[in-house]
C-alpha atoms as a PDB file:
ATOM      1  CA  MET A   1      63.399 -59.148  14.906  1.00  0.00           C
ATOM      2  CA  ILE A   2      61.850 -55.516  16.200  1.00  0.00           C
ATOM      3  CA  LYS A   3      63.625 -53.527  18.703  1.00  0.00           C
ATOM      4  CA  PHE A   4      61.311 -51.702  20.250  1.00  0.00           C
ATOM      5  CA  PRO A   5      60.126 -50.294  22.925  1.00  0.00           C
ATOM      6  CA  GLN A   6      64.124 -50.601  23.478  1.00  0.00           C
ATOM      7  CA  GLU A   7      64.864 -49.011  20.743  1.00  0.00           C
ATOM      8  CA  LEU A   8      63.610 -47.693  17.491  1.00  0.00           C
ATOM      9  CA  ASP A   9      63.012 -49.929  14.516  1.00  0.00           C
ATOM     10  CA  SER A  10      65.086 -48.961  11.381  1.00  0.00           C
ATOM     11  CA  ASP A  11      64.325 -50.385   7.604  1.00  0.00           C
ATOM     12  CA  GLU A  12      66.140 -53.464   8.546  1.00  0.00           C
ATOM     13  CA  GLU A  13      63.658 -54.518  11.335  1.00  0.00           C
ATOM     14  CA  LEU A  14      60.500 -53.511   9.304  1.00  0.00           C
ATOM     15  CA  HIS A  15      61.627 -54.107   5.875  1.00  0.00           C
ATOM     16  CA  GLN A  16      61.348 -51.505   3.128  1.00  0.00           C
ATOM     17  CA  VAL A  17      59.768 -52.854  -0.019  1.00  0.00           C
ATOM     18  CA  GLU A  18      59.242 -51.121  -3.241  1.00  0.00           C
ATOM     19  CA  ASP A  19      56.875 -52.130  -5.569  1.00  0.00           C
ATOM     20  CA  GLU A  20      57.752 -53.922  -8.838  1.00  0.00           C
ATOM     21  CA  VAL A  21      61.161 -54.831  -7.327  1.00  0.00           C
ATOM     22  CA  ASP A  22      60.805 -56.853  -4.268  1.00  0.00           C
ATOM     23  CA  ASP A  23      58.959 -59.781  -3.374  1.00  0.00           C
ATOM     24  CA  ILE A  24      56.919 -59.891   0.144  1.00  0.00           C
ATOM     25  CA  LEU A  25      58.019 -62.623   2.264  1.00  0.00           C
ATOM     26  CA  ALA A  26      56.355 -64.061   5.562  1.00  0.00           C
ATOM     27  CA  ALA A  27      58.826 -62.416   7.220  1.00  0.00           C
ATOM     28  CA  HIS A  28      58.043 -58.708   6.409  1.00  0.00           C
ATOM     29  CA  HIS A  29      54.639 -58.955   7.591  1.00  0.00           C
ATOM     30  CA  ASN A  30      55.585 -61.089  10.682  1.00  0.00           C
ATOM     31  CA  ALA A  31      57.750 -57.897  11.310  1.00  0.00           C
ATOM     32  CA  LEU A  32      55.121 -55.683  10.774  1.00  0.00           C
ATOM     33  CA  LYS A  33      52.896 -57.992  12.822  1.00  0.00           C
ATOM     34  CA  GLU A  34      55.366 -57.947  15.881  1.00  0.00           C
ATOM     35  CA  ALA A  35      55.727 -53.804  15.592  1.00  0.00           C
ATOM     36  CA  ILE A  36      52.239 -53.648  15.939  1.00  0.00           C
ATOM     37  CA  LYS A  37      52.239 -56.009  19.279  1.00  0.00           C
ATOM     38  CA  ALA A  38      54.868 -53.580  20.334  1.00  0.00           C
ATOM     39  CA  LEU A  39      53.094 -50.707  20.426  1.00  0.00           C
ATOM     40  CA  GLU A  40      49.724 -52.003  21.761  1.00  0.00           C
ATOM     41  CA  VAL A  41      51.613 -53.394  24.781  1.00  0.00           C
ATOM     42  CA  LYS A  42      53.368 -49.676  25.165  1.00  0.00           C
ATOM     43  CA  VAL A  43      49.911 -47.448  24.887  1.00  0.00           C
ATOM     44  CA  GLY A  44      47.937 -50.129  27.132  1.00  0.00           C
ATOM     45  CA  ILE A  45      44.439 -50.927  26.724  1.00  0.00           C
ATOM     46  CA  ASP A  46      41.728 -49.593  28.958  1.00  0.00           C
ATOM     47  CA  LEU A  47      42.204 -49.463  32.718  1.00  0.00           C
ATOM     48  CA  SER A  48      45.829 -51.802  31.865  1.00  0.00           C
ATOM     49  CA  ALA A  49      47.521 -53.602  34.728  1.00  0.00           C
ATOM     50  CA  VAL A  50      50.297 -53.296  32.732  1.00  0.00           C
ATOM     51  CA  GLU A  51      52.878 -51.081  35.002  1.00  0.00           C
ATOM     52  CA  THR A  52      55.101 -50.203  31.753  1.00  0.00           C
ATOM     53  CA  SER A  53      52.106 -49.133  29.511  1.00  0.00           C
ATOM     54  CA  LEU A  54      50.753 -45.294  29.089  1.00  0.00           C
ATOM     55  CA  ASP A  55      47.258 -46.001  29.648  1.00  0.00           C
ATOM     56  CA  TYR A  56      48.524 -47.693  33.258  1.00  0.00           C
ATOM     57  CA  ILE A  57      50.936 -43.995  33.899  1.00  0.00           C
ATOM     58  CA  ILE A  58      48.430 -41.993  32.898  1.00  0.00           C
ATOM     59  CA  LYS A  59      45.576 -43.371  35.087  1.00  0.00           C
ATOM     60  CA  GLN A  60      47.846 -43.477  37.756  1.00  0.00           C
ATOM     61  CA  LEU A  61      48.891 -39.608  37.224  1.00  0.00           C
ATOM     62  CA  ALA A  62      45.054 -39.170  37.202  1.00  0.00           C
ATOM     63  CA  VAL A  63      44.654 -40.960  40.739  1.00  0.00           C
ATOM     64  CA  LYS A  64      47.093 -39.808  42.429  1.00  0.00           C
ATOM     65  CA  SER A  65      46.988 -36.209  41.658  1.00  0.00           C
ATOM     66  CA  ASP A  66      45.049 -33.985  43.735  1.00  0.00           C
ATOM     67  CA  PRO A  67      44.991 -30.592  42.077  1.00  0.00           C
ATOM     68  CA  PRO A  68      43.376 -27.395  43.467  1.00  0.00           C
ATOM     69  CA  THR A  69      40.078 -26.276  41.969  1.00  0.00           C
ATOM     70  CA  GLY A  70      39.989 -24.298  39.141  1.00  0.00           C
ATOM     71  CA  TYR A  71      41.469 -24.387  35.324  1.00  0.00           C
ATOM     72  CA  HIS A  72      44.417 -26.504  34.525  1.00  0.00           C
ATOM     73  CA  LYS A  73      46.119 -26.720  31.351  1.00  0.00           C
ATOM     74  CA  VAL A  74      48.452 -29.604  30.816  1.00  0.00           C
ATOM     75  CA  TYR A  75      51.704 -28.226  28.717  1.00  0.00           C
ATOM     76  CA  GLY A  76      54.221 -30.822  29.615  1.00  0.00           C
ATOM     77  CA  LEU A  77      54.044 -34.498  29.743  1.00  0.00           C
ATOM     78  CA  TYR A  78      57.560 -36.534  30.011  1.00  0.00           C
ATOM     79  CA  ALA A  79      59.293 -39.162  31.700  1.00  0.00           C
ATOM     80  CA  LYS A  80      62.020 -38.009  33.856  1.00  0.00           C
ATOM     81  CA  LYS A  81      64.808 -40.949  34.108  1.00  0.00           C
ATOM     82  CA  THR A  82      66.471 -41.544  37.653  1.00  0.00           C
ATOM     83  CA  GLY A  83      68.842 -44.392  37.356  1.00  0.00           C
ATOM     84  CA  ASP A  84      67.329 -47.006  34.861  1.00  0.00           C
ATOM     85  CA  LYS A  85      64.249 -46.122  35.750  1.00  0.00           C
ATOM     86  CA  TYR A  86      61.424 -43.533  34.255  1.00  0.00           C
ATOM     87  CA  HIS A  87      59.230 -41.609  36.620  1.00  0.00           C
ATOM     88  CA  PRO A  88      56.258 -39.952  34.294  1.00  0.00           C
ATOM     89  CA  VAL A  89      55.921 -36.031  35.063  1.00  0.00           C
ATOM     90  CA  ILE A  90      53.057 -33.203  34.341  1.00  0.00           C
ATOM     91  CA  GLU A  91      53.366 -29.786  34.107  1.00  0.00           C
ATOM     92  CA  VAL A  92      50.022 -27.909  34.743  1.00  0.00           C
ATOM     93  CA  GLU A  93      48.865 -24.085  34.485  1.00  0.00           C
ATOM     94  CA  THR A  94      46.381 -23.775  36.841  1.00  0.00           C
ATOM     95  CA  GLU A  95      44.104 -20.739  37.539  1.00  0.00           C
ATOM     96  CA  PRO A  96      42.014 -20.409  40.313  1.00  0.00           C
ATOM     97  CA  GLU A  97      38.287 -20.954  40.323  1.00  0.00           C
ATOM     98  CA  GLY A  98      37.060 -17.729  39.521  1.00  0.00           C
ATOM     99  CA  GLY A  99      39.524 -15.992  37.634  1.00  0.00           C
END
Protein backbone atom coordinates (compact mmCIF):
# COMPACT_ATOMS: atom_id res chain seq x y z
CA MET A 1 0.00 0.00 0.00
CA ILE A 2 1.43 3.36 -1.00
CA LYS A 3 1.62 6.39 1.32
CA PHE A 4 1.72 9.18 -1.29
CA PRO A 5 0.48 11.97 -1.25
CA GLN A 6 0.32 12.08 2.56
CA GLU A 7 3.93 10.82 2.84
CA LEU A 8 6.71 9.84 0.48
CA ASP A 9 6.91 6.16 -0.35
CA SER A 10 9.98 4.11 0.50
CA ASP A 11 11.39 0.86 -0.88
CA GLU A 12 9.03 -0.91 1.50
CA GLU A 13 5.97 0.36 -0.38
CA LEU A 14 7.59 0.48 -3.83
CA HIS A 15 9.47 -2.79 -3.69
CA GLN A 16 13.17 -2.72 -4.48
CA VAL A 17 14.07 -5.70 -6.66
CA GLU A 18 17.46 -6.87 -7.84
CA ASP A 19 18.35 -8.71 -11.04
CA GLU A 20 18.80 -12.45 -10.63
CA VAL A 21 17.89 -12.25 -6.92
CA ASP A 22 14.19 -11.47 -6.56
CA ASP A 23 11.06 -12.80 -8.15
CA ILE A 24 8.75 -10.06 -9.33
CA LEU A 25 5.32 -10.53 -7.84
CA ALA A 26 1.99 -9.01 -8.74
CA ALA A 27 2.31 -6.92 -5.58
CA HIS A 28 5.42 -5.22 -7.01
CA HIS A 29 3.61 -4.27 -10.21
CA ASN A 30 0.46 -3.22 -8.37
CA ALA A 31 2.40 -0.96 -5.97
CA LEU A 32 3.95 0.87 -8.93
CA LYS A 33 0.55 1.15 -10.59
CA GLU A 34 -0.99 2.66 -7.45
CA ALA A 35 1.92 5.10 -7.13
CA ILE A 36 1.45 6.27 -10.73
CA LYS A 37 -2.29 6.69 -10.20
CA ALA A 38 -1.66 8.75 -7.03
CA LEU A 39 0.74 11.02 -8.94
CA GLU A 40 -1.80 11.48 -11.74
CA VAL A 41 -4.48 12.49 -9.23
CA LYS A 42 -2.11 14.96 -7.53
CA VAL A 43 -0.92 16.52 -10.80
CA GLY A 44 -4.40 16.51 -12.33
CA ILE A 45 -5.57 16.56 -15.91
CA ASP A 46 -6.22 19.56 -18.13
CA LEU A 47 -9.12 21.57 -16.69
CA SER A 48 -9.29 19.36 -13.59
CA ALA A 49 -12.12 19.97 -11.11
CA VAL A 50 -10.21 18.21 -8.29
CA GLU A 51 -9.41 21.05 -5.87
CA THR A 52 -6.29 19.35 -4.49
CA SER A 53 -4.68 18.78 -7.91
CA LEU A 54 -1.82 20.98 -9.05
CA ASP A 55 -3.62 21.64 -12.35
CA TYR A 56 -6.66 23.04 -10.50
CA ILE A 57 -4.57 25.14 -8.10
CA ILE A 58 -2.52 26.70 -10.91
CA LYS A 59 -5.65 27.35 -12.97
CA GLN A 60 -7.30 29.12 -10.02
CA LEU A 61 -4.21 31.26 -9.44
CA ALA A 62 -4.22 32.29 -13.10
CA VAL A 63 -7.95 33.09 -13.07
CA LYS A 64 -7.78 35.07 -9.82
CA SER A 65 -4.64 37.04 -10.67
CA ASP A 66 -4.87 40.53 -12.10
CA PRO A 67 -1.22 41.38 -12.75
CA PRO A 68 -0.05 44.79 -13.90
CA THR A 69 0.92 45.18 -17.53
CA GLY A 70 4.50 44.51 -18.52
CA TYR A 71 6.98 41.74 -17.90
CA HIS A 72 6.31 39.09 -15.26
CA LYS A 73 8.77 36.46 -14.05
CA VAL A 74 7.64 33.80 -11.58
CA TYR A 75 10.52 33.08 -9.22
CA GLY A 76 8.70 31.24 -6.46
CA LEU A 77 5.78 28.82 -6.35
CA TYR A 78 5.06 27.18 -3.03
CA ALA A 79 2.31 26.36 -0.56
CA LYS A 80 1.82 28.07 2.79
CA LYS A 81 0.30 25.92 5.52
CA THR A 82 -2.37 27.43 7.76
CA GLY A 83 -3.71 24.93 10.26
CA ASP A 84 -4.18 21.71 8.31
CA LYS A 85 -4.70 23.38 4.90
CA TYR A 86 -2.21 24.52 2.27
CA HIS A 87 -2.65 27.72 0.27
CA PRO A 88 -0.71 28.32 -2.97
CA VAL A 89 1.60 31.33 -3.13
CA ILE A 90 3.25 32.70 -6.28
CA GLU A 91 6.12 35.19 -6.05
CA VAL A 92 6.39 37.35 -9.17
CA GLU A 93 8.99 39.86 -10.34
CA THR A 94 7.35 42.57 -12.42
CA GLU A 95 8.80 45.14 -14.77
CA PRO A 96 6.36 47.86 -15.88
CA GLU A 97 5.42 48.00 -19.54
CA GLY A 98 8.01 49.79 -21.63
CA GLY A 99 10.71 49.23 -18.98
